[in-house]
Amino acid sequence: MSYSVLLDLDGTLIDSCPGILASCVAALRVLGHEPDDALDIRGTIGPPIEDIMQLLLQPYGDDRVGEAVAAYRQHYGESGYLGSAPYPGIGKALEEMKRTGLQLYLATSKRVAFASRILDHLKFTPYFDGIYGSVPSGELDHKPELLAHILSRHGISPSHGLMVGDRRHDISGAHAVGMRGLGVLWGYGTRDELETAGADQLVESPADFCHTIFSMIDGI
């Protein structure tokens, strides 16, 4: 049976912070706020954008999350998505995983349309057997629902699937559907966060990415 690896995007394959930050700042300004120049969002990247904007609006006592998200997506779709760069060695890792016959699927909380544009821009699209993310209806906003959808759509057995991500949502989402979760330590989540979430294994750097994945697969 072939093995499937489901990969998060932000903080796992790419450092998307510059683009997300620019679009968050633009959205706050549309709503009449002036964010501090030192605004740091790295620790909030990973969950759905609705959750992020709610956190960013709290200091202003503003509950216009829907308006903020709409403004964010407007800016992100125009230019923010370009503010993403792959972590060093990720392209090579994807190529190696694909060459060895693994089925690769993107599983991100980002809107699937934006994720597809980013992968196209980085020339990563050919490595993937499927690209999945959140959709306008909201039904795939959270990782358990998203991962269950991918498994069902492609007839993947949870025992032959692995979720890889940098935040607790990736690990808890994997466990919710019966998959193992590999936590990466170069993204936006901390070691403590991933260990507390019960990550089945952790990987320190992209240089060890393929070796760690192959060793987990060999162990099944």
N, C-alpha and C. Protein backbone atom coordinates (compact mmCIF):
# COMPACT_ATOMS: atom_id res chain seq x y z
N MET A 1 0.86 -1.20 0.00
CA MET A 1 0.00 0.00 0.00
C MET A 1 0.89 1.24 0.00
N SER A 2 0.55 2.23 -0.84
CA SER A 2 1.34 3.46 -0.88
C SER A 2 1.12 4.27 0.39
N TYR A 3 2.09 5.08 0.71
CA TYR A 3 2.03 5.89 1.92
C TYR A 3 1.78 7.35 1.55
N SER A 4 0.94 8.02 2.34
CA SER A 4 0.58 9.41 2.06
C SER A 4 1.10 10.33 3.16
N VAL A 5 1.69 11.45 2.74
CA VAL A 5 2.17 12.47 3.68
C VAL A 5 1.36 13.74 3.45
N LEU A 6 0.70 14.20 4.50
CA LEU A 6 -0.10 15.42 4.44
C LEU A 6 0.72 16.54 5.07
N LEU A 7 0.89 17.61 4.34
CA LEU A 7 1.81 18.67 4.75
C LEU A 7 1.09 19.99 4.98
N ASP A 8 1.35 20.57 6.14
CA ASP A 8 0.92 21.94 6.40
C ASP A 8 1.74 22.87 5.52
N LEU A 9 1.31 24.11 5.37
CA LEU A 9 2.02 25.06 4.51
C LEU A 9 2.79 26.10 5.31
N ASP A 10 2.07 27.01 5.99
CA ASP A 10 2.71 28.09 6.74
C ASP A 10 3.51 27.53 7.91
N GLY A 11 4.79 27.85 7.98
CA GLY A 11 5.61 27.40 9.08
C GLY A 11 6.16 25.99 8.91
N THR A 12 5.75 25.32 7.84
CA THR A 12 6.23 23.96 7.58
C THR A 12 7.01 23.91 6.26
N LEU A 13 6.37 24.37 5.20
CA LEU A 13 7.05 24.44 3.91
C LEU A 13 7.59 25.83 3.63
N ILE A 14 6.86 26.85 4.10
CA ILE A 14 7.24 28.23 3.79
C ILE A 14 7.21 29.11 5.03
N ASP A 15 8.07 30.12 5.00
CA ASP A 15 7.99 31.21 5.98
C ASP A 15 7.12 32.27 5.34
N SER A 16 5.87 32.29 5.75
CA SER A 16 4.89 33.19 5.14
C SER A 16 4.63 34.42 6.00
N CYS A 17 5.39 34.57 7.08
CA CYS A 17 5.13 35.64 8.04
C CYS A 17 5.13 37.04 7.41
N PRO A 18 6.13 37.39 6.57
CA PRO A 18 6.15 38.76 6.03
C PRO A 18 4.87 39.13 5.28
N GLY A 19 4.37 38.21 4.45
CA GLY A 19 3.16 38.49 3.69
C GLY A 19 1.92 38.54 4.55
N ILE A 20 1.82 37.61 5.52
CA ILE A 20 0.66 37.59 6.42
C ILE A 20 0.65 38.84 7.28
N LEU A 21 1.82 39.24 7.79
CA LEU A 21 1.91 40.45 8.62
C LEU A 21 1.49 41.68 7.83
N ALA A 22 1.97 41.81 6.60
CA ALA A 22 1.61 42.97 5.78
C ALA A 22 0.10 43.04 5.57
N SER A 23 -0.52 41.88 5.34
CA SER A 23 -1.97 41.87 5.10
C SER A 23 -2.76 42.09 6.38
N CYS A 24 -2.25 41.63 7.52
CA CYS A 24 -2.91 41.90 8.80
C CYS A 24 -2.87 43.40 9.12
N VAL A 25 -1.71 44.01 8.90
CA VAL A 25 -1.56 45.45 9.14
C VAL A 25 -2.50 46.23 8.23
N ALA A 26 -2.56 45.83 6.96
CA ALA A 26 -3.45 46.51 6.01
C ALA A 26 -4.90 46.40 6.45
N ALA A 27 -5.29 45.22 6.93
CA ALA A 27 -6.67 45.01 7.37
C ALA A 27 -7.00 45.87 8.59
N LEU A 28 -6.09 45.94 9.54
CA LEU A 28 -6.33 46.76 10.73
C LEU A 28 -6.47 48.23 10.35
N ARG A 29 -5.69 48.66 9.39
CA ARG A 29 -5.77 50.06 8.95
C ARG A 29 -7.08 50.35 8.23
N VAL A 30 -7.57 49.38 7.47
CA VAL A 30 -8.87 49.55 6.81
C VAL A 30 -9.96 49.80 7.85
N LEU A 31 -9.82 49.15 9.02
CA LEU A 31 -10.81 49.31 10.09
C LEU A 31 -10.53 50.52 10.97
N GLY A 32 -9.52 51.30 10.60
CA GLY A 32 -9.25 52.55 11.31
C GLY A 32 -8.25 52.48 12.43
N HIS A 33 -7.53 51.38 12.53
CA HIS A 33 -6.53 51.22 13.58
C HIS A 33 -5.13 51.47 13.02
N GLU A 34 -4.21 51.81 13.91
CA GLU A 34 -2.82 52.02 13.51
C GLU A 34 -1.94 51.08 14.34
N PRO A 35 -1.63 49.90 13.79
CA PRO A 35 -0.85 48.92 14.55
C PRO A 35 0.55 49.42 14.88
N ASP A 36 1.06 48.93 15.97
CA ASP A 36 2.42 49.26 16.38
C ASP A 36 3.41 48.68 15.38
N ASP A 37 4.48 49.42 15.12
CA ASP A 37 5.50 48.95 14.18
C ASP A 37 6.14 47.64 14.64
N ALA A 38 6.08 47.38 15.93
CA ALA A 38 6.70 46.17 16.48
C ALA A 38 5.73 44.99 16.56
N LEU A 39 4.58 45.10 15.89
CA LEU A 39 3.59 44.03 15.93
C LEU A 39 4.22 42.69 15.52
N ASP A 40 4.08 41.70 16.37
CA ASP A 40 4.67 40.38 16.12
C ASP A 40 3.55 39.35 16.08
N ILE A 41 3.36 38.70 14.94
CA ILE A 41 2.27 37.74 14.79
C ILE A 41 2.76 36.30 14.64
N ARG A 42 4.07 36.08 14.74
CA ARG A 42 4.60 34.74 14.47
C ARG A 42 3.92 33.67 15.32
N GLY A 43 3.66 33.99 16.57
CA GLY A 43 3.07 33.00 17.46
C GLY A 43 1.60 32.72 17.20
N THR A 44 0.98 33.53 16.33
CA THR A 44 -0.45 33.34 16.06
C THR A 44 -0.69 32.66 14.72
N ILE A 45 0.34 32.53 13.88
CA ILE A 45 0.16 31.94 12.56
C ILE A 45 -0.08 30.44 12.68
N GLY A 46 -1.05 29.95 11.93
CA GLY A 46 -1.36 28.53 11.94
C GLY A 46 -2.86 28.27 11.96
N PRO A 47 -3.57 28.80 12.96
CA PRO A 47 -5.03 28.63 13.00
C PRO A 47 -5.70 29.41 11.86
N PRO A 48 -7.02 29.22 11.66
CA PRO A 48 -7.73 29.98 10.65
C PRO A 48 -7.56 31.49 10.84
N ILE A 49 -7.61 32.25 9.75
CA ILE A 49 -7.38 33.69 9.80
C ILE A 49 -8.41 34.40 10.68
N GLU A 50 -9.62 33.81 10.78
CA GLU A 50 -10.63 34.41 11.66
C GLU A 50 -10.12 34.47 13.10
N ASP A 51 -9.46 33.40 13.55
CA ASP A 51 -8.93 33.36 14.92
C ASP A 51 -7.82 34.39 15.10
N ILE A 52 -6.98 34.52 14.08
CA ILE A 52 -5.86 35.48 14.16
C ILE A 52 -6.39 36.91 14.23
N MET A 53 -7.34 37.24 13.37
CA MET A 53 -7.86 38.61 13.35
C MET A 53 -8.60 38.93 14.65
N GLN A 54 -9.27 37.95 15.22
CA GLN A 54 -9.96 38.17 16.50
C GLN A 54 -8.95 38.57 17.57
N LEU A 55 -7.81 37.87 17.60
CA LEU A 55 -6.76 38.19 18.57
C LEU A 55 -6.19 39.59 18.33
N LEU A 56 -5.98 39.94 17.07
CA LEU A 56 -5.39 41.24 16.75
C LEU A 56 -6.34 42.39 17.03
N LEU A 57 -7.65 42.13 16.96
CA LEU A 57 -8.64 43.18 17.20
C LEU A 57 -8.92 43.41 18.69
N GLN A 58 -8.63 42.41 19.51
CA GLN A 58 -8.96 42.50 20.94
C GLN A 58 -8.40 43.74 21.63
N PRO A 59 -7.12 44.10 21.39
CA PRO A 59 -6.58 45.29 22.07
C PRO A 59 -7.33 46.57 21.75
N TYR A 60 -8.02 46.57 20.62
CA TYR A 60 -8.76 47.78 20.21
C TYR A 60 -10.22 47.72 20.66
N GLY A 61 -10.60 46.62 21.30
CA GLY A 61 -12.00 46.46 21.69
C GLY A 61 -12.92 46.40 20.49
N ASP A 62 -12.41 45.86 19.39
CA ASP A 62 -13.13 45.81 18.12
C ASP A 62 -13.55 44.37 17.82
N ASP A 63 -14.82 44.15 17.53
CA ASP A 63 -15.29 42.79 17.26
C ASP A 63 -15.67 42.59 15.80
N ARG A 64 -15.19 43.46 14.91
CA ARG A 64 -15.54 43.37 13.48
C ARG A 64 -14.63 42.36 12.77
N VAL A 65 -14.69 41.11 13.23
CA VAL A 65 -13.80 40.08 12.69
C VAL A 65 -14.08 39.84 11.20
N GLY A 66 -15.34 39.76 10.84
CA GLY A 66 -15.70 39.51 9.44
C GLY A 66 -15.15 40.56 8.50
N GLU A 67 -15.29 41.84 8.89
CA GLU A 67 -14.77 42.92 8.06
C GLU A 67 -13.25 42.86 7.96
N ALA A 68 -12.61 42.54 9.07
CA ALA A 68 -11.15 42.45 9.09
C ALA A 68 -10.66 41.32 8.19
N VAL A 69 -11.35 40.18 8.25
CA VAL A 69 -10.96 39.04 7.42
C VAL A 69 -11.13 39.37 5.94
N ALA A 70 -12.22 40.05 5.60
CA ALA A 70 -12.44 40.43 4.21
C ALA A 70 -11.34 41.37 3.71
N ALA A 71 -10.96 42.33 4.55
CA ALA A 71 -9.90 43.27 4.18
C ALA A 71 -8.56 42.54 4.06
N TYR A 72 -8.33 41.61 4.96
CA TYR A 72 -7.10 40.81 4.92
C TYR A 72 -7.01 40.05 3.60
N ARG A 73 -8.09 39.36 3.26
CA ARG A 73 -8.06 38.52 2.05
C ARG A 73 -7.92 39.37 0.78
N GLN A 74 -8.50 40.55 0.80
CA GLN A 74 -8.35 41.45 -0.34
C GLN A 74 -6.88 41.78 -0.56
N HIS A 75 -6.20 42.18 0.51
CA HIS A 75 -4.78 42.55 0.42
C HIS A 75 -3.91 41.33 0.12
N TYR A 76 -4.22 40.22 0.79
CA TYR A 76 -3.40 39.02 0.62
C TYR A 76 -3.48 38.49 -0.81
N GLY A 77 -4.69 38.56 -1.38
CA GLY A 77 -4.86 38.08 -2.75
C GLY A 77 -4.17 38.96 -3.78
N GLU A 78 -4.00 40.24 -3.45
CA GLU A 78 -3.34 41.17 -4.37
C GLU A 78 -1.83 41.08 -4.28
N SER A 79 -1.30 41.01 -3.07
CA SER A 79 0.16 41.05 -2.94
C SER A 79 0.72 40.24 -1.77
N GLY A 80 -0.06 40.06 -0.70
CA GLY A 80 0.47 39.41 0.50
C GLY A 80 0.98 38.01 0.26
N TYR A 81 0.30 37.26 -0.63
CA TYR A 81 0.69 35.87 -0.86
C TYR A 81 2.08 35.75 -1.44
N LEU A 82 2.58 36.84 -2.04
CA LEU A 82 3.92 36.81 -2.62
C LEU A 82 5.01 36.92 -1.55
N GLY A 83 4.62 37.32 -0.34
CA GLY A 83 5.59 37.47 0.75
C GLY A 83 5.84 36.16 1.47
N SER A 84 6.14 35.13 0.71
CA SER A 84 6.39 33.80 1.27
C SER A 84 7.64 33.22 0.62
N ALA A 85 8.47 32.58 1.42
CA ALA A 85 9.68 31.95 0.89
C ALA A 85 9.81 30.55 1.47
N PRO A 86 10.19 29.57 0.66
CA PRO A 86 10.37 28.22 1.19
C PRO A 86 11.54 28.18 2.16
N TYR A 87 11.42 27.37 3.19
CA TYR A 87 12.56 27.18 4.07
C TYR A 87 13.66 26.47 3.28
N PRO A 88 14.93 26.77 3.59
CA PRO A 88 16.04 26.17 2.86
C PRO A 88 15.97 24.64 2.85
N GLY A 89 16.05 24.07 1.68
CA GLY A 89 16.04 22.61 1.56
C GLY A 89 14.68 21.98 1.36
N ILE A 90 13.61 22.76 1.47
CA ILE A 90 12.27 22.19 1.36
C ILE A 90 11.99 21.69 -0.06
N GLY A 91 12.39 22.47 -1.05
CA GLY A 91 12.17 22.04 -2.43
C GLY A 91 12.85 20.71 -2.72
N LYS A 92 14.06 20.57 -2.26
CA LYS A 92 14.81 19.32 -2.45
C LYS A 92 14.13 18.17 -1.71
N ALA A 93 13.61 18.44 -0.51
CA ALA A 93 12.92 17.41 0.27
C ALA A 93 11.65 16.93 -0.44
N LEU A 94 10.88 17.86 -0.98
CA LEU A 94 9.67 17.50 -1.71
C LEU A 94 10.01 16.64 -2.92
N GLU A 95 11.06 17.03 -3.61
CA GLU A 95 11.49 16.28 -4.79
C GLU A 95 11.89 14.85 -4.42
N GLU A 96 12.62 14.71 -3.32
CA GLU A 96 13.06 13.38 -2.89
C GLU A 96 11.88 12.52 -2.46
N MET A 97 10.94 13.12 -1.71
CA MET A 97 9.78 12.35 -1.26
C MET A 97 8.96 11.88 -2.45
N LYS A 98 8.79 12.75 -3.43
CA LYS A 98 8.01 12.40 -4.62
C LYS A 98 8.72 11.31 -5.42
N ARG A 99 10.03 11.40 -5.50
CA ARG A 99 10.82 10.44 -6.28
C ARG A 99 10.72 9.03 -5.68
N THR A 100 10.57 8.96 -4.37
CA THR A 100 10.49 7.65 -3.71
C THR A 100 9.08 7.06 -3.73
N GLY A 101 8.14 7.77 -4.33
CA GLY A 101 6.80 7.22 -4.50
C GLY A 101 5.78 7.61 -3.46
N LEU A 102 6.12 8.51 -2.56
CA LEU A 102 5.14 8.96 -1.58
C LEU A 102 4.05 9.79 -2.24
N GLN A 103 2.83 9.68 -1.73
CA GLN A 103 1.74 10.54 -2.17
C GLN A 103 1.75 11.77 -1.27
N LEU A 104 1.83 12.95 -1.85
CA LEU A 104 1.92 14.18 -1.08
C LEU A 104 0.65 15.01 -1.25
N TYR A 105 0.11 15.48 -0.12
CA TYR A 105 -1.10 16.32 -0.12
C TYR A 105 -0.86 17.54 0.74
N LEU A 106 -1.26 18.70 0.25
CA LEU A 106 -1.19 19.91 1.07
C LEU A 106 -2.44 19.97 1.93
N ALA A 107 -2.26 20.25 3.21
CA ALA A 107 -3.38 20.35 4.16
C ALA A 107 -3.18 21.60 5.00
N THR A 108 -3.75 22.71 4.56
CA THR A 108 -3.51 24.01 5.20
C THR A 108 -4.81 24.67 5.61
N SER A 109 -4.75 25.49 6.65
CA SER A 109 -5.91 26.28 7.06
C SER A 109 -6.08 27.52 6.18
N LYS A 110 -5.08 27.79 5.36
CA LYS A 110 -5.16 28.93 4.43
C LYS A 110 -6.20 28.62 3.36
N ARG A 111 -6.81 29.65 2.80
CA ARG A 111 -7.74 29.44 1.71
C ARG A 111 -7.03 28.67 0.59
N VAL A 112 -7.69 27.66 0.07
CA VAL A 112 -7.07 26.80 -0.93
C VAL A 112 -6.66 27.58 -2.17
N ALA A 113 -7.41 28.62 -2.52
CA ALA A 113 -7.05 29.42 -3.70
C ALA A 113 -5.71 30.12 -3.49
N PHE A 114 -5.48 30.65 -2.29
CA PHE A 114 -4.20 31.31 -2.00
C PHE A 114 -3.07 30.29 -1.96
N ALA A 115 -3.34 29.15 -1.33
CA ALA A 115 -2.31 28.11 -1.23
C ALA A 115 -1.88 27.64 -2.61
N SER A 116 -2.83 27.47 -3.51
CA SER A 116 -2.51 27.04 -4.88
C SER A 116 -1.65 28.07 -5.60
N ARG A 117 -1.97 29.34 -5.39
CA ARG A 117 -1.19 30.40 -6.04
C ARG A 117 0.24 30.44 -5.50
N ILE A 118 0.38 30.20 -4.21
CA ILE A 118 1.73 30.19 -3.61
C ILE A 118 2.54 29.02 -4.16
N LEU A 119 1.94 27.83 -4.19
CA LEU A 119 2.66 26.67 -4.71
C LEU A 119 3.03 26.86 -6.18
N ASP A 120 2.13 27.46 -6.95
CA ASP A 120 2.44 27.76 -8.36
C ASP A 120 3.62 28.72 -8.45
N HIS A 121 3.57 29.77 -7.63
CA HIS A 121 4.61 30.80 -7.64
C HIS A 121 5.98 30.19 -7.31
N LEU A 122 6.00 29.24 -6.37
CA LEU A 122 7.25 28.61 -5.95
C LEU A 122 7.62 27.39 -6.80
N LYS A 123 6.74 27.07 -7.76
CA LYS A 123 6.95 25.90 -8.64
C LYS A 123 6.95 24.58 -7.86
N PHE A 124 6.13 24.51 -6.80
CA PHE A 124 6.01 23.31 -5.99
C PHE A 124 4.81 22.46 -6.38
N THR A 125 3.90 23.01 -7.18
CA THR A 125 2.65 22.31 -7.49
C THR A 125 2.85 20.89 -8.02
N PRO A 126 3.82 20.65 -8.93
CA PRO A 126 3.96 19.30 -9.49
C PRO A 126 4.27 18.21 -8.46
N TYR A 127 4.73 18.58 -7.28
CA TYR A 127 5.06 17.58 -6.27
C TYR A 127 3.82 17.03 -5.57
N PHE A 128 2.69 17.71 -5.71
CA PHE A 128 1.51 17.36 -4.91
C PHE A 128 0.46 16.60 -5.70
N ASP A 129 -0.11 15.59 -5.03
CA ASP A 129 -1.20 14.80 -5.61
C ASP A 129 -2.55 15.44 -5.31
N GLY A 130 -2.56 16.40 -4.41
CA GLY A 130 -3.79 17.12 -4.08
C GLY A 130 -3.46 18.33 -3.21
N ILE A 131 -4.20 19.42 -3.41
CA ILE A 131 -3.98 20.65 -2.65
C ILE A 131 -5.29 21.00 -1.94
N TYR A 132 -5.26 21.02 -0.62
CA TYR A 132 -6.47 21.24 0.15
C TYR A 132 -6.27 22.33 1.20
N GLY A 133 -7.31 23.13 1.39
CA GLY A 133 -7.29 24.20 2.37
C GLY A 133 -8.71 24.60 2.71
N SER A 134 -8.85 25.72 3.38
CA SER A 134 -10.18 26.18 3.75
C SER A 134 -10.93 26.67 2.52
N VAL A 135 -12.25 26.63 2.60
CA VAL A 135 -13.13 27.01 1.49
C VAL A 135 -14.14 28.02 2.00
N PRO A 136 -14.77 28.80 1.09
CA PRO A 136 -15.69 29.86 1.53
C PRO A 136 -16.81 29.40 2.46
N SER A 137 -17.26 28.15 2.32
CA SER A 137 -18.36 27.67 3.17
C SER A 137 -17.95 27.52 4.63
N GLY A 138 -16.65 27.43 4.88
CA GLY A 138 -16.16 27.28 6.25
C GLY A 138 -16.10 25.85 6.76
N GLU A 139 -16.55 24.89 5.94
CA GLU A 139 -16.64 23.51 6.44
C GLU A 139 -15.29 22.83 6.64
N LEU A 140 -14.23 23.38 6.04
CA LEU A 140 -12.90 22.76 6.17
C LEU A 140 -11.92 23.68 6.89
N ASP A 141 -12.43 24.59 7.71
CA ASP A 141 -11.57 25.57 8.39
C ASP A 141 -10.63 24.92 9.40
N HIS A 142 -11.07 23.84 10.02
CA HIS A 142 -10.29 23.26 11.11
C HIS A 142 -9.66 21.94 10.68
N LYS A 143 -8.49 21.64 11.26
CA LYS A 143 -7.69 20.52 10.79
C LYS A 143 -8.40 19.16 10.86
N PRO A 144 -9.13 18.80 11.91
CA PRO A 144 -9.76 17.48 11.90
C PRO A 144 -10.69 17.27 10.70
N GLU A 145 -11.51 18.29 10.40
CA GLU A 145 -12.43 18.18 9.27
C GLU A 145 -11.68 18.15 7.94
N LEU A 146 -10.63 18.97 7.85
CA LEU A 146 -9.84 19.03 6.62
C LEU A 146 -9.14 17.69 6.36
N LEU A 147 -8.51 17.14 7.39
CA LEU A 147 -7.79 15.88 7.22
C LEU A 147 -8.74 14.73 6.93
N ALA A 148 -9.88 14.71 7.60
CA ALA A 148 -10.88 13.66 7.33
C ALA A 148 -11.35 13.73 5.88
N HIS A 149 -11.50 14.94 5.37
CA HIS A 149 -11.93 15.14 3.98
C HIS A 149 -10.89 14.58 3.01
N ILE A 150 -9.61 14.84 3.27
CA ILE A 150 -8.55 14.36 2.39
C ILE A 150 -8.47 12.83 2.42
N LEU A 151 -8.52 12.26 3.62
CA LEU A 151 -8.47 10.80 3.75
C LEU A 151 -9.62 10.14 3.00
N SER A 152 -10.81 10.70 3.17
CA SER A 152 -12.00 10.14 2.51
C SER A 152 -11.93 10.30 1.00
N ARG A 153 -11.53 11.47 0.57
CA ARG A 153 -11.49 11.78 -0.87
C ARG A 153 -10.53 10.85 -1.63
N HIS A 154 -9.43 10.47 -0.98
CA HIS A 154 -8.42 9.68 -1.67
C HIS A 154 -8.32 8.25 -1.16
N GLY A 155 -9.25 7.84 -0.30
CA GLY A 155 -9.25 6.47 0.19
C GLY A 155 -7.99 6.11 0.95
N ILE A 156 -7.50 7.06 1.75
CA ILE A 156 -6.25 6.86 2.50
C ILE A 156 -6.57 6.27 3.87
N SER A 157 -5.88 5.19 4.21
CA SER A 157 -6.01 4.61 5.54
C SER A 157 -5.20 5.46 6.52
N PRO A 158 -5.78 5.85 7.66
CA PRO A 158 -5.02 6.65 8.63
C PRO A 158 -3.70 6.01 9.04
N SER A 159 -3.65 4.68 9.04
CA SER A 159 -2.42 3.99 9.42
C SER A 159 -1.34 4.13 8.36
N HIS A 160 -1.72 4.55 7.16
CA HIS A 160 -0.77 4.76 6.08
C HIS A 160 -0.70 6.24 5.69
N GLY A 161 -0.99 7.09 6.67
CA GLY A 161 -0.91 8.52 6.45
C GLY A 161 -0.15 9.18 7.59
N LEU A 162 0.51 10.27 7.29
CA LEU A 162 1.27 11.04 8.28
C LEU A 162 1.00 12.52 8.06
N MET A 163 0.65 13.22 9.14
CA MET A 163 0.45 14.67 9.07
C MET A 163 1.71 15.35 9.59
N VAL A 164 2.17 16.35 8.85
CA VAL A 164 3.37 17.09 9.22
C VAL A 164 3.02 18.56 9.37
N GLY A 165 3.35 19.15 10.52
CA GLY A 165 3.05 20.56 10.73
C GLY A 165 3.84 21.15 11.88
N ASP A 166 3.68 22.46 12.06
CA ASP A 166 4.48 23.18 13.06
C ASP A 166 3.68 23.64 14.26
N ARG A 167 2.35 23.41 14.27
CA ARG A 167 1.53 23.88 15.38
C ARG A 167 0.74 22.73 15.99
N ARG A 168 0.21 22.99 17.19
CA ARG A 168 -0.53 21.96 17.91
C ARG A 168 -1.77 21.50 17.13
N HIS A 169 -2.35 22.42 16.34
CA HIS A 169 -3.55 22.08 15.58
C HIS A 169 -3.27 20.96 14.57
N ASP A 170 -2.04 20.95 14.03
CA ASP A 170 -1.67 19.90 13.08
C ASP A 170 -1.60 18.55 13.77
N ILE A 171 -1.03 18.54 14.97
CA ILE A 171 -0.86 17.28 15.70
C ILE A 171 -2.20 16.77 16.23
N SER A 172 -2.96 17.66 16.86
CA SER A 172 -4.26 17.23 17.40
C SER A 172 -5.22 16.85 16.28
N GLY A 173 -5.12 17.53 15.14
CA GLY A 173 -5.95 17.19 14.00
C GLY A 173 -5.63 15.81 13.47
N ALA A 174 -4.32 15.50 13.40
CA ALA A 174 -3.90 14.18 12.94
C ALA A 174 -4.43 13.09 13.87
N HIS A 175 -4.27 13.29 15.17
CA HIS A 175 -4.71 12.29 16.13
C HIS A 175 -6.23 12.13 16.12
N ALA A 176 -6.95 13.21 15.81
CA ALA A 176 -8.41 13.14 15.78
C ALA A 176 -8.92 12.21 14.69
N VAL A 177 -8.12 12.04 13.62
CA VAL A 177 -8.54 11.16 12.53
C VAL A 177 -7.74 9.86 12.49
N GLY A 178 -6.95 9.61 13.56
CA GLY A 178 -6.24 8.35 13.66
C GLY A 178 -4.89 8.30 12.99
N MET A 179 -4.34 9.46 12.60
CA MET A 179 -3.02 9.50 11.98
C MET A 179 -1.96 9.89 13.00
N ARG A 180 -0.71 9.61 12.67
CA ARG A 180 0.39 10.11 13.47
C ARG A 180 0.72 11.54 13.03
N GLY A 181 1.33 12.29 13.95
CA GLY A 181 1.68 13.68 13.65
C GLY A 181 3.16 13.94 13.88
N LEU A 182 3.82 14.48 12.87
CA LEU A 182 5.23 14.85 12.97
C LEU A 182 5.31 16.37 13.12
N GLY A 183 5.96 16.83 14.18
CA GLY A 183 6.10 18.25 14.42
C GLY A 183 7.44 18.78 13.93
N VAL A 184 7.42 19.89 13.18
CA VAL A 184 8.66 20.51 12.70
C VAL A 184 8.99 21.70 13.60
N LEU A 185 10.28 21.87 13.88
CA LEU A 185 10.70 22.87 14.87
C LEU A 185 11.25 24.16 14.25
N TRP A 186 11.12 24.32 12.94
CA TRP A 186 11.60 25.56 12.31
C TRP A 186 10.46 26.54 12.03
N GLY A 187 9.25 26.19 12.41
CA GLY A 187 8.10 27.03 12.10
C GLY A 187 7.71 27.96 13.22
N TYR A 188 6.39 28.16 13.41
CA TYR A 188 5.89 29.16 14.34
C TYR A 188 5.51 28.57 15.70
N GLY A 189 5.44 27.27 15.80
CA GLY A 189 5.14 26.64 17.07
C GLY A 189 6.41 26.31 17.83
N THR A 190 6.30 26.18 19.13
CA THR A 190 7.47 25.86 19.97
C THR A 190 7.56 24.36 20.21
N ARG A 191 8.73 23.93 20.66
CA ARG A 191 8.90 22.53 21.03
C ARG A 191 7.89 22.14 22.12
N ASP A 192 7.72 23.00 23.10
CA ASP A 192 6.80 22.71 24.19
C ASP A 192 5.38 22.54 23.68
N GLU A 193 4.97 23.42 22.76
CA GLU A 193 3.62 23.33 22.20
C GLU A 193 3.40 21.99 21.51
N LEU A 194 4.37 21.58 20.70
CA LEU A 194 4.24 20.35 19.93
C LEU A 194 4.31 19.11 20.83
N GLU A 195 5.18 19.16 21.83
CA GLU A 195 5.28 18.03 22.76
C GLU A 195 4.00 17.90 23.59
N THR A 196 3.47 19.04 24.02
CA THR A 196 2.23 19.03 24.81
C THR A 196 1.07 18.49 23.99
N ALA A 197 1.09 18.78 22.68
CA ALA A 197 0.03 18.28 21.79
C ALA A 197 0.17 16.79 21.52
N GLY A 198 1.32 16.21 21.90
CA GLY A 198 1.51 14.77 21.72
C GLY A 198 2.12 14.37 20.40
N ALA A 199 2.95 15.25 19.84
CA ALA A 199 3.60 14.91 18.56
C ALA A 199 4.29 13.55 18.67
N ASP A 200 4.09 12.70 17.67
CA ASP A 200 4.68 11.36 17.69
C ASP A 200 6.19 11.42 17.50
N GLN A 201 6.64 12.47 16.83
CA GLN A 201 8.07 12.69 16.66
C GLN A 201 8.28 14.15 16.30
N LEU A 202 9.50 14.65 16.53
CA LEU A 202 9.85 16.02 16.17
C LEU A 202 11.05 15.98 15.24
N VAL A 203 11.14 16.97 14.35
CA VAL A 203 12.29 17.07 13.46
C VAL A 203 12.87 18.47 13.59
N GLU A 204 14.19 18.53 13.74
CA GLU A 204 14.87 19.79 14.07
C GLU A 204 15.03 20.74 12.88
N SER A 205 15.36 20.20 11.71
CA SER A 205 15.67 21.08 10.58
C SER A 205 15.24 20.44 9.27
N PRO A 206 15.04 21.27 8.24
CA PRO A 206 14.66 20.72 6.93
C PRO A 206 15.67 19.71 6.39
N ALA A 207 16.93 19.83 6.82
CA ALA A 207 17.96 18.89 6.36
C ALA A 207 17.65 17.46 6.82
N ASP A 208 16.91 17.34 7.94
CA ASP A 208 16.56 16.02 8.48
C ASP A 208 15.15 15.58 8.11
N PHE A 209 14.48 16.40 7.32
CA PHE A 209 13.07 16.21 7.01
C PHE A 209 12.79 14.83 6.41
N CYS A 210 13.41 14.55 5.26
CA CYS A 210 13.15 13.30 4.55
C CYS A 210 13.54 12.09 5.39
N HIS A 211 14.70 12.16 6.00
CA HIS A 211 15.18 11.03 6.79
C HIS A 211 14.18 10.69 7.90
N THR A 212 13.66 11.72 8.57
CA THR A 212 12.70 11.49 9.66
C THR A 212 11.42 10.88 9.14
N ILE A 213 10.91 11.41 8.04
CA ILE A 213 9.67 10.88 7.46
C ILE A 213 9.85 9.43 7.02
N PHE A 214 10.97 9.15 6.34
CA PHE A 214 11.21 7.78 5.88
C PHE A 214 11.35 6.82 7.06
N SER A 215 11.97 7.27 8.15
CA SER A 215 12.13 6.39 9.31
C SER A 215 10.79 6.12 9.98
N MET A 216 9.88 7.10 10.00
CA MET A 216 8.55 6.88 10.57
C MET A 216 7.74 5.92 9.72
N ILE A 217 7.90 6.03 8.40
CA ILE A 217 7.18 5.13 7.50
C ILE A 217 7.69 3.70 7.64
N ASP A 218 9.01 3.56 7.74
CA ASP A 218 9.60 2.23 7.87
C ASP A 218 9.16 1.55 9.15
N GLY A 219 8.71 2.36 10.12
CA GLY A 219 8.33 1.80 11.41
C GLY A 219 6.92 1.25 11.46
N ILE A 220 6.14 1.41 10.37
CA ILE A 220 4.75 0.94 10.44
C ILE A 220 4.66 -0.55 10.06
